[in-house]
Amino acid sequence: MKNLKTGLFTLLVALVGGFIALWTYTRYFDNPRILTVQQEQSMRYASLPTTGPGELPDLTFAAENSVHAVVHIKVTQKGGYYSSNNIFDYFFGNGPRSQQEPIRQGVGSGVIISPDGYIVTNNHVVDEADEISVVLNDKREFKAKLIGTDPSTDIALVKIDASGLPTLRFSNSDNLKLGEWVLAVGNPFNLTSTVTAGIVSAKSRDIGINPDQMRIESFIQTDAAVNPGNSGGALVNTRGELVGINTAIASQTGSYSGYSFAIPSNIVQKVVSDLKEYGDVQRALLNVNIGDVNAEVAKKYNLDKIEGVFIGRVLPGGAAEVAGIQDNDVIISVDNVPVNSTAELQEQIGKHRPGDKVTIVIKRDNKKKPFNVTLRNKHGDTEIVKGDDTPDDIFGAKFVAVSDRDKAELGIRYGVKISDLANGKFKDAGIKKGFIITQVNKSAVSDVEDLKRIIKNSRGGILVEGIYPNGEVAYYVFGN
């Protein structure tokens, strides 16, 4: 009986406990309350974060700092006279009937680089100009004097008689990085003081636009909008410093279509300094024939890596040979600056003058070795080359040889090109700088000695035939 009472009591306690548990569950856990520790967090799509407005590059300082130092350049080319009759009329008839060419005008841009009026622009902006005018951002206008030109880099230096002018400071273009923001400042379509923005798309571009035989092309490529009239204008960084001179565009139409090209400031600064000091550019040379290293070259010469610039031939007695550099060597760097294309090598050497010493790292048998090289000039020594040391002056004209590239493009086999033109019979006849003389009195002209000989033996009138770089064929007649 006692055991029965104990069992009933235990059952009763269990039932009561069950009811209590059921009531507690339905009271507190039927709609459970969950305590959570919350942390502030925003949900984002799995993409790169957007840049806030305050983090965008501020280009206002660069624009305001540069726009006053960029000028509008206007050039005038006076019309000459050309003969429009049959040649035999000159010798046997009433003389030639002359027709005047129309006056030609062009526009471009320039950058003031000194308070006393020195202005850098492109050679192609002022080439063959008879008059050069400069219009400042404040609308003052000055006549400009041509100080010097360098066709191989397409740089020209002019000067106006003024003082206290705003200027742009040169920056080291070697420090320019891909993706860096830049501004193009100039006067496209005669719209003065125009600023456009873009980024550096590439460096050391050789686009083959310069026809000069000794050309140096190592352009900065940008996507800043550049149009006709921008040539000679400034390419500046976000600090308002000059990093390049805008020169060319890649276009099917003649107007901007995506990419533009500027001459690096390091080359510009060196050329301008030479023109101011010597009247001619002191071109430093390694005296080697070079080419890019590609997969084919690497395989042919068992190179362990596609890098550097390949030396096909070292010219006898030149700077490279004297230093110990050999054929089939590969140039890896110049003064610790890597070079991986002919354009990059030309840019680094082009910053120097004859007599300068540079350290060139060469790869030979896939081992690297430094060489100390003393650069030389076009005559093979380290002397200064003066602007007036060209001996051939005929009727006020000086001449250079016609490059193989010009011959191929113009379809000619010989000729001499007028590189400079002062007062004289050629200029009086209407001949312009850049004209290529192919024949005089129906005799072929292959070099300056041919030209001298033919003119010396001429009696009476002189017939000069030739072609301009744009393909325009012309002839001129004048008395001896």
Protein backbone atom coordinates (compact mmCIF):
# COMPACT_ATOMS: atom_id res chain seq x y z
CA MET A 1 0.00 0.00 0.00
CA LYS A 2 2.87 2.24 0.85
CA ASN A 3 4.49 1.54 -2.50
CA LEU A 4 1.27 2.43 -4.32
CA LYS A 5 1.08 5.79 -2.57
CA THR A 6 4.69 6.52 -3.47
CA GLY A 7 4.07 5.71 -7.15
CA LEU A 8 0.96 7.89 -7.35
CA PHE A 9 2.82 10.76 -5.76
CA THR A 10 5.65 10.48 -8.27
CA LEU A 11 3.16 10.37 -11.16
CA LEU A 12 1.41 13.44 -9.82
CA VAL A 13 4.69 15.36 -9.58
CA ALA A 14 5.55 14.35 -13.13
CA LEU A 15 2.16 15.50 -14.43
CA VAL A 16 2.41 18.82 -12.64
CA GLY A 17 5.94 19.27 -13.99
CA GLY A 18 4.73 18.49 -17.48
CA PHE A 19 1.91 21.03 -17.28
CA ILE A 20 4.30 23.65 -15.95
CA ALA A 21 6.76 22.95 -18.81
CA LEU A 22 3.95 23.09 -21.38
CA TRP A 23 2.68 26.38 -20.04
CA THR A 24 6.19 27.88 -19.98
CA TYR A 25 6.88 26.84 -23.58
CA THR A 26 3.61 28.22 -24.90
CA ARG A 27 4.13 31.39 -22.94
CA TYR A 28 7.70 32.12 -23.93
CA PHE A 29 8.76 29.97 -26.92
CA ASP A 30 5.69 29.73 -29.13
CA ASN A 31 6.76 33.13 -30.49
CA PRO A 32 10.43 32.97 -29.58
CA ARG A 33 12.33 36.16 -28.82
CA ILE A 34 15.88 36.05 -30.16
CA LEU A 35 18.49 38.39 -28.76
CA THR A 36 21.02 39.38 -31.42
CA VAL A 37 24.17 41.53 -31.39
CA GLN A 38 23.78 43.90 -34.33
CA GLN A 39 26.73 45.44 -36.22
CA GLU A 40 26.24 48.36 -38.62
CA GLN A 41 27.03 47.10 -42.11
CA SER A 42 25.93 48.11 -45.60
CA MET A 43 25.37 45.50 -48.27
CA ARG A 44 27.15 46.08 -51.61
CA TYR A 45 27.31 44.40 -54.94
CA ALA A 46 30.53 42.56 -55.70
CA SER A 47 32.03 45.27 -57.84
CA LEU A 48 34.79 47.83 -57.43
CA PRO A 49 33.78 50.64 -55.08
CA THR A 50 32.78 53.92 -56.65
CA THR A 51 34.86 56.99 -55.99
CA GLY A 52 33.17 59.70 -54.03
CA PRO A 53 32.93 63.18 -55.54
CA GLY A 54 35.53 64.52 -53.15
CA GLU A 55 38.11 61.95 -54.36
CA LEU A 56 38.08 62.91 -58.06
CA PRO A 57 41.23 64.71 -59.26
CA ASP A 58 40.90 68.48 -58.98
CA LEU A 59 42.07 69.86 -62.32
CA THR A 60 41.13 73.48 -61.72
CA PHE A 61 44.55 74.53 -60.43
CA ALA A 62 46.34 72.95 -63.39
CA ALA A 63 43.94 74.56 -65.85
CA GLU A 64 44.16 78.02 -64.31
CA ASN A 65 47.93 77.76 -63.93
CA SER A 66 48.55 76.77 -67.55
CA VAL A 67 45.97 78.60 -69.63
CA HIS A 68 47.73 81.99 -69.29
CA ALA A 69 51.07 80.57 -70.44
CA VAL A 70 49.70 79.00 -73.64
CA VAL A 71 49.57 81.29 -76.67
CA HIS A 72 47.90 81.37 -80.06
CA ILE A 73 50.39 81.35 -82.96
CA LYS A 74 49.45 82.70 -86.39
CA VAL A 75 51.77 82.24 -89.34
CA THR A 76 51.75 83.82 -92.78
CA GLN A 77 53.48 82.45 -95.84
CA LYS A 78 53.72 85.05 -98.56
CA GLY A 79 52.84 83.98 -102.05
CA GLY A 80 55.74 83.58 -104.44
CA TYR A 81 55.80 83.46 -108.19
CA TYR A 82 55.97 80.44 -110.41
CA SER A 83 56.34 80.17 -114.16
CA SER A 84 53.24 79.06 -115.99
CA ASN A 85 54.53 79.03 -119.57
CA ASN A 86 56.49 76.70 -121.77
CA ILE A 87 60.19 76.68 -120.90
CA PHE A 88 61.21 77.56 -124.44
CA ASP A 89 59.38 80.89 -124.11
CA TYR A 90 62.03 81.96 -121.64
CA PHE A 91 64.95 81.30 -123.94
CA PHE A 92 63.43 81.98 -127.34
CA GLY A 93 60.21 83.90 -126.78
CA ASN A 94 58.99 86.88 -124.75
CA GLY A 95 60.10 85.53 -121.39
CA PRO A 96 58.13 83.64 -118.80
CA ARG A 97 54.67 84.64 -117.71
CA SER A 98 54.58 84.55 -113.93
CA GLN A 99 51.63 83.90 -111.71
CA GLN A 100 51.53 84.82 -108.04
CA GLU A 101 50.68 82.17 -105.49
CA PRO A 102 48.07 83.11 -102.88
CA ILE A 103 49.12 84.07 -99.35
CA ARG A 104 48.84 81.11 -97.01
CA GLN A 105 47.96 81.37 -93.35
CA GLY A 106 48.07 78.84 -90.57
CA VAL A 107 47.49 78.65 -86.85
CA GLY A 108 48.80 76.69 -83.92
CA SER A 109 49.71 76.99 -80.27
CA GLY A 110 52.80 77.63 -78.20
CA VAL A 111 53.97 77.60 -74.58
CA ILE A 112 55.76 80.48 -72.83
CA ILE A 113 58.79 79.02 -71.04
CA SER A 114 60.49 82.20 -69.80
CA PRO A 115 59.20 85.59 -68.58
CA ASP A 116 61.23 87.41 -71.27
CA GLY A 117 59.26 85.91 -74.14
CA TYR A 118 60.78 82.59 -75.24
CA ILE A 119 58.03 80.33 -76.61
CA VAL A 120 58.26 76.68 -77.64
CA THR A 121 56.05 75.25 -80.37
CA ASN A 122 56.16 72.62 -83.12
CA ASN A 123 58.44 72.97 -86.10
CA HIS A 124 55.57 72.10 -88.41
CA VAL A 125 53.57 75.06 -87.04
CA VAL A 126 56.14 77.67 -88.11
CA ASP A 127 57.92 75.81 -90.92
CA GLU A 128 58.34 78.02 -94.03
CA ALA A 129 56.56 80.94 -92.32
CA ASP A 130 57.46 84.44 -93.50
CA GLU A 131 55.73 86.11 -90.56
CA ILE A 132 54.90 84.77 -87.10
CA SER A 133 52.43 86.45 -84.75
CA VAL A 134 51.75 85.50 -81.15
CA VAL A 135 48.48 86.29 -79.37
CA LEU A 136 48.58 86.02 -75.58
CA ASN A 137 45.70 84.86 -73.44
CA ASP A 138 45.04 88.52 -72.47
CA LYS A 139 44.64 89.28 -76.24
CA ARG A 140 47.89 91.22 -76.62
CA GLU A 141 49.57 90.46 -79.96
CA PHE A 142 53.28 90.47 -80.81
CA LYS A 143 55.44 89.79 -83.84
CA ALA A 144 57.72 86.84 -83.13
CA LYS A 145 61.28 86.06 -84.18
CA LEU A 146 62.25 82.52 -85.07
CA ILE A 147 65.22 81.52 -82.90
CA GLY A 148 65.71 78.00 -84.22
CA THR A 149 64.10 74.76 -85.29
CA ASP A 150 64.78 71.04 -84.96
CA PRO A 151 62.93 69.00 -87.60
CA SER A 152 64.12 65.70 -86.10
CA THR A 153 62.05 66.29 -82.94
CA ASP A 154 59.52 68.72 -84.51
CA ILE A 155 60.42 71.45 -82.02
CA ALA A 156 60.79 75.18 -82.76
CA LEU A 157 61.71 78.13 -80.54
CA VAL A 158 60.40 81.65 -81.13
CA LYS A 159 60.70 84.85 -79.12
CA ILE A 160 58.59 87.95 -78.59
CA ASP A 161 59.74 91.29 -77.18
CA ALA A 162 57.95 91.25 -73.82
CA SER A 163 58.67 90.82 -70.13
CA GLY A 164 56.96 89.59 -66.98
CA LEU A 165 55.06 86.90 -68.87
CA PRO A 166 53.39 83.90 -67.19
CA THR A 167 55.29 80.68 -67.75
CA LEU A 168 55.01 76.92 -67.35
CA ARG A 169 57.64 75.00 -65.44
CA PHE A 170 59.12 71.87 -66.99
CA SER A 171 58.43 68.57 -65.25
CA ASN A 172 60.44 65.35 -65.57
CA SER A 173 58.50 63.39 -68.19
CA ASP A 174 60.29 60.17 -67.15
CA ASN A 175 58.21 60.26 -63.96
CA LEU A 176 54.92 60.34 -65.87
CA LYS A 177 52.89 57.19 -65.22
CA LEU A 178 50.31 55.28 -67.24
CA GLY A 179 46.81 56.26 -66.16
CA GLU A 180 47.95 59.62 -64.78
CA TRP A 181 45.59 62.53 -65.43
CA VAL A 182 46.81 65.21 -67.85
CA LEU A 183 45.39 68.33 -69.48
CA ALA A 184 45.83 69.45 -73.09
CA VAL A 185 45.83 73.24 -73.42
CA GLY A 186 45.73 75.00 -76.77
CA ASN A 187 43.72 76.73 -79.46
CA PRO A 188 41.85 74.15 -81.56
CA PHE A 189 39.84 75.49 -84.50
CA ASN A 190 40.89 79.05 -83.50
CA LEU A 191 39.06 78.61 -80.19
CA THR A 192 41.58 80.21 -77.85
CA SER A 193 42.40 78.98 -74.36
CA THR A 194 40.77 75.56 -74.60
CA VAL A 195 41.42 72.93 -71.93
CA THR A 196 40.65 69.21 -72.29
CA ALA A 197 41.44 66.34 -69.92
CA GLY A 198 42.47 62.72 -70.30
CA ILE A 199 44.90 60.13 -69.02
CA VAL A 200 48.29 58.91 -70.19
CA SER A 201 47.45 55.96 -72.42
CA ALA A 202 50.98 54.93 -73.38
CA LYS A 203 54.56 56.18 -73.49
CA SER A 204 57.42 56.00 -76.01
CA ARG A 205 55.17 55.75 -79.05
CA ASP A 206 56.86 55.83 -82.48
CA ILE A 207 54.09 56.62 -84.97
CA GLY A 208 56.25 57.40 -88.01
CA ILE A 209 54.78 60.85 -88.62
CA ASN A 210 58.10 62.73 -88.75
CA PRO A 211 59.75 62.45 -92.19
CA ASP A 212 63.17 63.66 -91.00
CA GLN A 213 65.95 61.11 -91.55
CA MET A 214 67.31 61.66 -88.01
CA ARG A 215 63.87 61.72 -86.39
CA ILE A 216 63.36 61.05 -82.71
CA GLU A 217 59.82 59.88 -81.93
CA SER A 218 58.98 58.82 -78.40
CA PHE A 219 55.54 60.33 -77.95
CA ILE A 220 53.37 60.41 -74.86
CA GLN A 221 49.99 59.02 -75.95
CA THR A 222 46.87 60.41 -74.25
CA ASP A 223 43.11 60.39 -74.76
CA ALA A 224 42.81 64.13 -74.11
CA ALA A 225 40.99 65.75 -77.04
CA VAL A 226 43.45 67.44 -79.41
CA ASN A 227 42.38 68.98 -82.72
CA PRO A 228 43.91 71.08 -85.52
CA GLY A 229 45.27 74.24 -83.89
CA ASN A 230 46.39 72.39 -80.74
CA SER A 231 49.81 71.66 -82.22
CA GLY A 232 52.50 73.26 -80.11
CA GLY A 233 50.24 73.55 -77.07
CA ALA A 234 50.87 72.28 -73.57
CA LEU A 235 50.33 68.88 -72.01
CA VAL A 236 50.37 69.45 -68.25
CA ASN A 237 50.01 67.27 -65.16
CA THR A 238 47.62 67.90 -62.27
CA ARG A 239 50.20 70.21 -60.68
CA GLY A 240 50.15 72.47 -63.72
CA GLU A 241 53.66 71.48 -64.86
CA LEU A 242 54.65 71.01 -68.49
CA VAL A 243 55.11 67.32 -69.32
CA GLY A 244 54.85 67.52 -73.11
CA ILE A 245 54.14 69.52 -76.27
CA ASN A 246 51.02 68.36 -78.13
CA THR A 247 51.98 67.45 -81.68
CA ALA A 248 49.82 64.91 -83.48
CA ILE A 249 46.56 62.97 -83.49
CA ALA A 250 45.55 59.53 -84.73
CA SER A 251 42.66 60.26 -87.05
CA GLN A 252 40.99 59.18 -90.28
CA THR A 253 39.29 62.56 -90.66
CA GLY A 254 41.87 65.11 -89.50
CA SER A 255 39.97 65.75 -86.28
CA TYR A 256 40.25 64.10 -82.88
CA SER A 257 39.07 60.50 -82.81
CA GLY A 258 40.48 59.03 -79.64
CA TYR A 259 44.22 59.46 -79.23
CA SER A 260 46.71 62.30 -79.31
CA PHE A 261 50.49 62.45 -79.02
CA ALA A 262 52.89 64.81 -77.27
CA ILE A 263 56.67 65.24 -77.29
CA PRO A 264 58.03 64.49 -73.78
CA SER A 265 59.18 67.52 -71.81
CA ASN A 266 62.66 66.09 -71.23
CA ILE A 267 63.32 66.10 -74.98
CA VAL A 268 61.72 69.54 -75.40
CA GLN A 269 63.80 71.08 -72.62
CA LYS A 270 67.06 69.75 -74.05
CA VAL A 271 66.29 70.90 -77.61
CA VAL A 272 65.20 74.38 -76.47
CA SER A 273 68.32 74.76 -74.36
CA ASP A 274 70.53 73.86 -77.34
CA LEU A 275 68.74 76.25 -79.69
CA LYS A 276 69.09 79.12 -77.23
CA GLU A 277 72.74 78.45 -76.46
CA TYR A 278 74.19 77.18 -79.73
CA GLY A 279 71.67 77.89 -82.49
CA ASP A 280 71.65 74.20 -83.37
CA VAL A 281 70.72 71.00 -81.57
CA GLN A 282 73.66 69.08 -80.16
CA ARG A 283 72.65 65.58 -81.20
CA ALA A 284 74.33 62.84 -79.19
CA LEU A 285 74.87 59.53 -80.95
CA LEU A 286 75.79 55.98 -79.99
CA ASN A 287 76.75 55.21 -83.61
CA VAL A 288 74.90 51.88 -83.81
CA ASN A 289 72.22 50.34 -86.00
CA ILE A 290 69.41 49.16 -83.75
CA GLY A 291 66.09 47.33 -83.78
CA ASP A 292 63.44 46.08 -81.37
CA VAL A 293 63.84 42.69 -79.74
CA ASN A 294 60.93 40.43 -80.71
CA ALA A 295 60.30 36.69 -80.58
CA GLU A 296 62.02 36.10 -83.91
CA VAL A 297 65.17 37.99 -82.87
CA ALA A 298 65.23 36.28 -79.48
CA LYS A 299 65.05 32.85 -81.09
CA LYS A 300 67.63 33.59 -83.79
CA TYR A 301 70.23 34.89 -81.32
CA ASN A 302 69.35 32.55 -78.42
CA LEU A 303 68.25 35.33 -76.09
CA ASP A 304 66.80 34.10 -72.82
CA LYS A 305 64.25 36.89 -72.64
CA ILE A 306 62.45 39.31 -74.95
CA GLU A 307 63.76 42.60 -73.64
CA GLY A 308 65.97 45.52 -74.55
CA VAL A 309 67.11 46.91 -77.92
CA PHE A 310 69.11 44.77 -80.35
CA ILE A 311 72.32 46.14 -81.89
CA GLY A 312 72.58 44.92 -85.46
CA ARG A 313 75.82 46.74 -86.18
CA VAL A 314 78.31 48.87 -84.29
CA LEU A 315 79.71 51.58 -86.56
CA PRO A 316 83.51 51.77 -86.73
CA GLY A 317 85.10 54.49 -84.61
CA GLY A 318 81.80 55.45 -82.98
CA ALA A 319 80.97 55.96 -79.33
CA ALA A 320 79.72 52.39 -78.81
CA GLU A 321 82.73 50.70 -80.41
CA VAL A 322 85.20 52.82 -78.42
CA ALA A 323 83.40 51.77 -75.22
CA GLY A 324 83.65 48.08 -76.12
CA ILE A 325 80.09 47.40 -77.26
CA GLN A 326 79.78 44.81 -80.05
CA ASP A 327 77.44 43.63 -82.80
CA ASN A 328 74.52 41.51 -81.53
CA ASP A 329 74.68 43.01 -78.04
CA VAL A 330 71.37 43.95 -76.44
CA ILE A 331 70.95 47.31 -74.69
CA ILE A 332 68.98 46.83 -71.48
CA SER A 333 69.14 50.27 -69.83
CA VAL A 334 70.63 53.76 -70.04
CA ASP A 335 71.58 55.37 -66.71
CA ASN A 336 69.34 52.88 -64.88
CA VAL A 337 66.33 53.64 -67.09
CA PRO A 338 65.08 50.43 -68.79
CA VAL A 339 64.74 50.57 -72.59
CA ASN A 340 62.63 48.02 -74.44
CA SER A 341 62.16 49.72 -77.80
CA THR A 342 64.13 51.85 -80.22
CA ALA A 343 61.89 54.80 -79.30
CA GLU A 344 62.74 54.46 -75.61
CA LEU A 345 66.46 54.24 -76.38
CA GLN A 346 66.33 57.28 -78.68
CA GLU A 347 64.48 59.24 -75.99
CA GLN A 348 67.11 58.51 -73.35
CA ILE A 349 70.09 59.22 -75.63
CA GLY A 350 68.30 62.26 -77.11
CA LYS A 351 68.38 63.98 -73.70
CA HIS A 352 72.17 64.21 -73.89
CA ARG A 353 74.82 66.20 -75.73
CA PRO A 354 78.02 64.99 -77.38
CA GLY A 355 80.68 64.53 -74.71
CA ASP A 356 78.17 63.40 -72.07
CA LYS A 357 78.98 60.12 -70.35
CA VAL A 358 76.23 57.53 -69.87
CA THR A 359 76.16 54.08 -68.31
CA ILE A 360 74.67 51.50 -70.63
CA VAL A 361 73.87 47.99 -69.44
CA ILE A 362 74.48 45.44 -72.19
CA LYS A 363 73.34 41.82 -72.34
CA ARG A 364 75.92 39.62 -74.06
CA ASP A 365 75.67 35.82 -74.02
CA ASN A 366 72.65 36.36 -71.74
CA LYS A 367 74.84 38.02 -69.11
CA LYS A 368 74.48 41.67 -68.18
CA LYS A 369 77.44 44.02 -68.06
CA PRO A 370 77.67 47.84 -67.66
CA PHE A 371 79.64 50.01 -70.13
CA ASN A 372 80.64 53.65 -69.69
CA VAL A 373 80.03 55.41 -73.02
CA THR A 374 81.07 58.91 -74.07
CA LEU A 375 78.53 60.06 -76.66
CA ARG A 376 79.64 61.71 -79.91
CA ASN A 377 78.21 64.12 -82.49
CA LYS A 378 77.35 63.53 -86.14
CA HIS A 379 80.96 64.21 -87.14
CA GLY A 380 82.26 61.49 -84.82
CA ASP A 381 83.78 63.72 -82.16
CA THR A 382 82.59 65.50 -79.02
CA GLU A 383 82.89 69.09 -80.25
CA ILE A 384 80.01 71.59 -80.27
CA VAL A 385 78.21 71.81 -83.62
CA LYS A 386 77.34 75.38 -84.56
CA GLY A 387 74.20 76.25 -86.46
CA ASP A 388 76.14 77.88 -89.27
CA ASP A 389 78.67 75.11 -89.99
CA THR A 390 76.89 73.89 -93.13
CA PRO A 391 79.27 74.83 -95.97
CA ASP A 392 76.94 74.57 -98.93
CA ASP A 393 75.24 77.91 -99.54
CA ILE A 394 73.95 78.51 -103.06
CA PHE A 395 71.82 81.52 -103.95
CA GLY A 396 70.95 81.92 -100.26
CA ALA A 397 69.99 78.28 -99.77
CA LYS A 398 71.49 75.46 -97.70
CA PHE A 399 70.87 71.83 -98.48
CA VAL A 400 70.60 68.36 -96.96
CA ALA A 401 70.46 64.96 -98.58
CA VAL A 402 67.04 63.52 -99.40
CA SER A 403 66.21 60.55 -97.18
CA ASP A 404 65.41 57.16 -98.70
CA ARG A 405 61.98 57.40 -97.10
CA ASP A 406 61.25 60.71 -98.87
CA LYS A 407 62.44 59.26 -102.16
CA ALA A 408 60.13 56.28 -101.81
CA GLU A 409 57.11 58.35 -100.77
CA LEU A 410 57.59 60.96 -103.50
CA GLY A 411 58.59 58.51 -106.24
CA ILE A 412 61.97 60.15 -106.97
CA ARG A 413 65.43 58.60 -107.32
CA TYR A 414 67.63 61.62 -106.58
CA GLY A 415 67.59 65.24 -105.50
CA VAL A 416 68.78 67.69 -102.82
CA LYS A 417 66.49 69.30 -100.27
CA ILE A 418 66.57 72.96 -99.22
CA SER A 419 67.00 72.94 -95.45
CA ASP A 420 67.33 76.69 -94.98
CA LEU A 421 66.55 79.65 -97.20
CA ALA A 422 67.80 83.22 -96.86
CA ASN A 423 67.57 86.14 -99.29
CA GLY A 424 68.83 85.23 -102.73
CA LYS A 425 67.82 84.13 -106.20
CA PHE A 426 66.07 80.99 -105.05
CA LYS A 427 63.85 82.89 -102.62
CA ASP A 428 63.23 85.70 -105.12
CA ALA A 429 62.05 83.12 -107.64
CA GLY A 430 59.42 81.87 -105.17
CA ILE A 431 61.15 78.67 -104.07
CA LYS A 432 60.25 77.67 -100.50
CA LYS A 433 62.16 75.89 -97.78
CA GLY A 434 61.74 72.13 -98.06
CA PHE A 435 61.71 72.12 -101.87
CA ILE A 436 63.60 69.15 -103.35
CA ILE A 437 65.58 70.06 -106.46
CA THR A 438 65.70 67.11 -108.82
CA GLN A 439 66.88 68.77 -112.06
CA VAL A 440 68.55 71.99 -113.14
CA ASN A 441 68.48 72.80 -116.85
CA LYS A 442 67.25 69.25 -117.48
CA SER A 443 70.31 67.71 -115.80
CA ALA A 444 69.80 65.40 -112.82
CA VAL A 445 70.89 66.66 -109.39
CA SER A 446 72.04 63.90 -107.04
CA ASP A 447 73.99 66.02 -104.57
CA VAL A 448 75.12 69.55 -103.86
CA GLU A 449 78.24 69.12 -106.00
CA ASP A 450 76.00 68.35 -109.01
CA LEU A 451 74.01 71.49 -108.29
CA LYS A 452 77.14 73.66 -108.05
CA ARG A 453 78.60 72.24 -111.24
CA ILE A 454 75.44 72.69 -113.30
CA ILE A 455 74.88 76.26 -112.12
CA LYS A 456 78.53 77.15 -112.73
CA ASN A 457 78.33 75.92 -116.31
CA SER A 458 74.97 77.57 -117.05
CA ARG A 459 74.70 80.39 -119.52
CA GLY A 460 71.68 82.67 -119.43
CA GLY A 461 68.53 81.37 -117.72
CA ILE A 462 68.34 78.64 -115.10
CA LEU A 463 65.46 76.18 -114.97
CA VAL A 464 64.98 74.51 -111.57
CA GLU A 465 62.62 71.53 -111.36
CA GLY A 466 61.59 69.56 -108.32
CA ILE A 467 58.95 68.57 -105.82
CA TYR A 468 57.71 69.68 -102.40
CA PRO A 469 57.31 67.21 -99.51
CA ASN A 470 53.52 67.30 -100.00
CA GLY A 471 53.94 65.92 -103.53
CA GLU A 472 53.43 69.22 -105.35
CA VAL A 473 55.61 69.32 -108.48
CA ALA A 474 56.94 72.75 -109.40
CA TYR A 475 59.52 74.48 -111.60
CA TYR A 476 61.09 77.91 -111.44
CA VAL A 477 63.02 79.99 -113.94
CA PHE A 478 65.39 82.87 -113.25
CA GLY A 479 68.51 84.46 -114.68
CA ASN A 480 72.02 83.42 -113.74
